[in-house]
Amino acid sequence: DMEAAIPLGGQVAGRIDEILTAKQIVDQTMAGFDAVIANLANHYI
């Protein structure tokens, strides 16, 4: 629904705190993934 897309985009824009490079986003995502996997390993292995 294109009429709803613009207001919803405005809500998300308010949550942006900083502009990151693609590398920074991937690095942060991978760091979070590693932390989750390590936590799972501690609980299930």
N, C-alpha and C. Protein backbone atom coordinates (compact mmCIF):
# COMPACT_ATOMS: atom_id res chain seq x y z
N ASP A 1 0.85 -1.18 0.00
CA ASP A 1 0.00 0.00 0.00
C ASP A 1 0.89 1.24 0.00
N MET A 2 0.99 1.90 -1.12
CA MET A 2 1.88 3.05 -1.24
C MET A 2 1.44 4.24 -0.40
N GLU A 3 0.16 4.36 -0.11
CA GLU A 3 -0.31 5.48 0.71
C GLU A 3 0.17 5.33 2.15
N ALA A 4 0.30 4.12 2.63
CA ALA A 4 0.76 3.88 4.00
C ALA A 4 2.28 3.87 4.08
N ALA A 5 2.97 3.69 2.97
CA ALA A 5 4.42 3.55 2.99
C ALA A 5 5.12 4.81 3.48
N ILE A 6 4.67 5.97 3.07
CA ILE A 6 5.34 7.21 3.46
C ILE A 6 5.22 7.47 4.96
N PRO A 7 4.04 7.39 5.58
CA PRO A 7 3.99 7.59 7.04
C PRO A 7 4.79 6.55 7.82
N LEU A 8 4.76 5.30 7.37
CA LEU A 8 5.52 4.27 8.07
C LEU A 8 7.02 4.53 7.94
N GLY A 9 7.45 5.02 6.79
CA GLY A 9 8.86 5.36 6.62
C GLY A 9 9.28 6.48 7.56
N GLY A 10 8.39 7.40 7.82
CA GLY A 10 8.69 8.49 8.74
C GLY A 10 8.89 7.99 10.16
N GLN A 11 8.13 6.98 10.56
CA GLN A 11 8.29 6.43 11.90
C GLN A 11 9.65 5.78 12.06
N VAL A 12 10.10 5.08 11.04
CA VAL A 12 11.39 4.41 11.10
C VAL A 12 12.53 5.42 11.07
N ALA A 13 12.39 6.48 10.31
CA ALA A 13 13.45 7.49 10.19
C ALA A 13 13.80 8.09 11.55
N GLY A 14 12.84 8.18 12.44
CA GLY A 14 13.10 8.72 13.77
C GLY A 14 13.98 7.83 14.62
N ARG A 15 14.15 6.58 14.24
CA ARG A 15 14.97 5.64 15.01
C ARG A 15 16.42 5.61 14.54
N ILE A 16 16.76 6.32 13.48
CA ILE A 16 18.12 6.32 12.95
C ILE A 16 18.96 7.27 13.78
N ASP A 17 20.00 6.73 14.44
CA ASP A 17 20.86 7.54 15.29
C ASP A 17 22.16 7.94 14.60
N GLU A 18 22.61 7.14 13.64
CA GLU A 18 23.88 7.42 12.97
C GLU A 18 23.88 6.79 11.59
N ILE A 19 24.75 7.30 10.74
CA ILE A 19 24.91 6.76 9.40
C ILE A 19 26.12 5.84 9.42
N LEU A 20 25.93 4.58 9.07
CA LEU A 20 27.00 3.59 9.09
C LEU A 20 27.32 3.14 7.67
N THR A 21 28.57 2.73 7.48
CA THR A 21 28.93 2.13 6.20
C THR A 21 28.40 0.70 6.16
N ALA A 22 28.35 0.14 4.96
CA ALA A 22 27.90 -1.25 4.83
C ALA A 22 28.81 -2.17 5.62
N LYS A 23 30.11 -1.90 5.62
CA LYS A 23 31.07 -2.72 6.37
C LYS A 23 30.78 -2.67 7.86
N GLN A 24 30.48 -1.50 8.38
CA GLN A 24 30.17 -1.37 9.81
C GLN A 24 28.91 -2.16 10.16
N ILE A 25 27.91 -2.11 9.29
CA ILE A 25 26.67 -2.84 9.54
C ILE A 25 26.93 -4.34 9.55
N VAL A 26 27.70 -4.82 8.56
CA VAL A 26 28.01 -6.25 8.50
C VAL A 26 28.84 -6.66 9.71
N ASP A 27 29.84 -5.86 10.08
CA ASP A 27 30.68 -6.18 11.24
C ASP A 27 29.85 -6.25 12.52
N GLN A 28 28.94 -5.31 12.71
CA GLN A 28 28.09 -5.32 13.91
C GLN A 28 27.15 -6.53 13.90
N THR A 29 26.62 -6.85 12.74
CA THR A 29 25.73 -8.00 12.63
C THR A 29 26.48 -9.28 12.95
N MET A 30 27.69 -9.42 12.41
CA MET A 30 28.49 -10.63 12.66
C MET A 30 28.91 -10.72 14.13
N ALA A 31 29.22 -9.59 14.75
CA ALA A 31 29.58 -9.60 16.17
C ALA A 31 28.39 -10.06 17.01
N GLY A 32 27.21 -9.59 16.68
CA GLY A 32 26.01 -10.02 17.39
C GLY A 32 25.74 -11.50 17.17
N PHE A 33 25.94 -11.97 15.95
CA PHE A 33 25.76 -13.39 15.63
C PHE A 33 26.73 -14.23 16.45
N ASP A 34 28.01 -13.81 16.49
CA ASP A 34 29.01 -14.56 17.26
C ASP A 34 28.63 -14.63 18.73
N ALA A 35 28.12 -13.53 19.28
CA ALA A 35 27.73 -13.51 20.69
C ALA A 35 26.56 -14.47 20.95
N VAL A 36 25.59 -14.49 20.05
CA VAL A 36 24.44 -15.39 20.21
C VAL A 36 24.89 -16.84 20.12
N ILE A 37 25.73 -17.16 19.15
CA ILE A 37 26.21 -18.53 18.99
C ILE A 37 27.02 -18.97 20.21
N ALA A 38 27.87 -18.09 20.73
CA ALA A 38 28.66 -18.43 21.92
C ALA A 38 27.74 -18.68 23.11
N ASN A 39 26.70 -17.88 23.25
CA ASN A 39 25.75 -18.05 24.34
C ASN A 39 25.00 -19.37 24.20
N LEU A 40 24.59 -19.70 22.98
CA LEU A 40 23.91 -20.98 22.76
C LEU A 40 24.83 -22.15 23.07
N ALA A 41 26.09 -22.03 22.68
CA ALA A 41 27.05 -23.11 22.94
C ALA A 41 27.21 -23.33 24.44
N ASN A 42 27.19 -22.27 25.22
CA ASN A 42 27.32 -22.40 26.67
C ASN A 42 26.11 -23.09 27.30
N HIS A 43 24.96 -22.95 26.68
CA HIS A 43 23.74 -23.52 27.23
C HIS A 43 23.44 -24.94 26.76
N TYR A 44 23.89 -25.29 25.56
CA TYR A 44 23.45 -26.55 24.97
C TYR A 44 24.56 -27.54 24.67
N ILE A 45 25.80 -27.18 24.91
CA ILE A 45 26.89 -28.12 24.63
C ILE A 45 27.59 -28.49 25.92
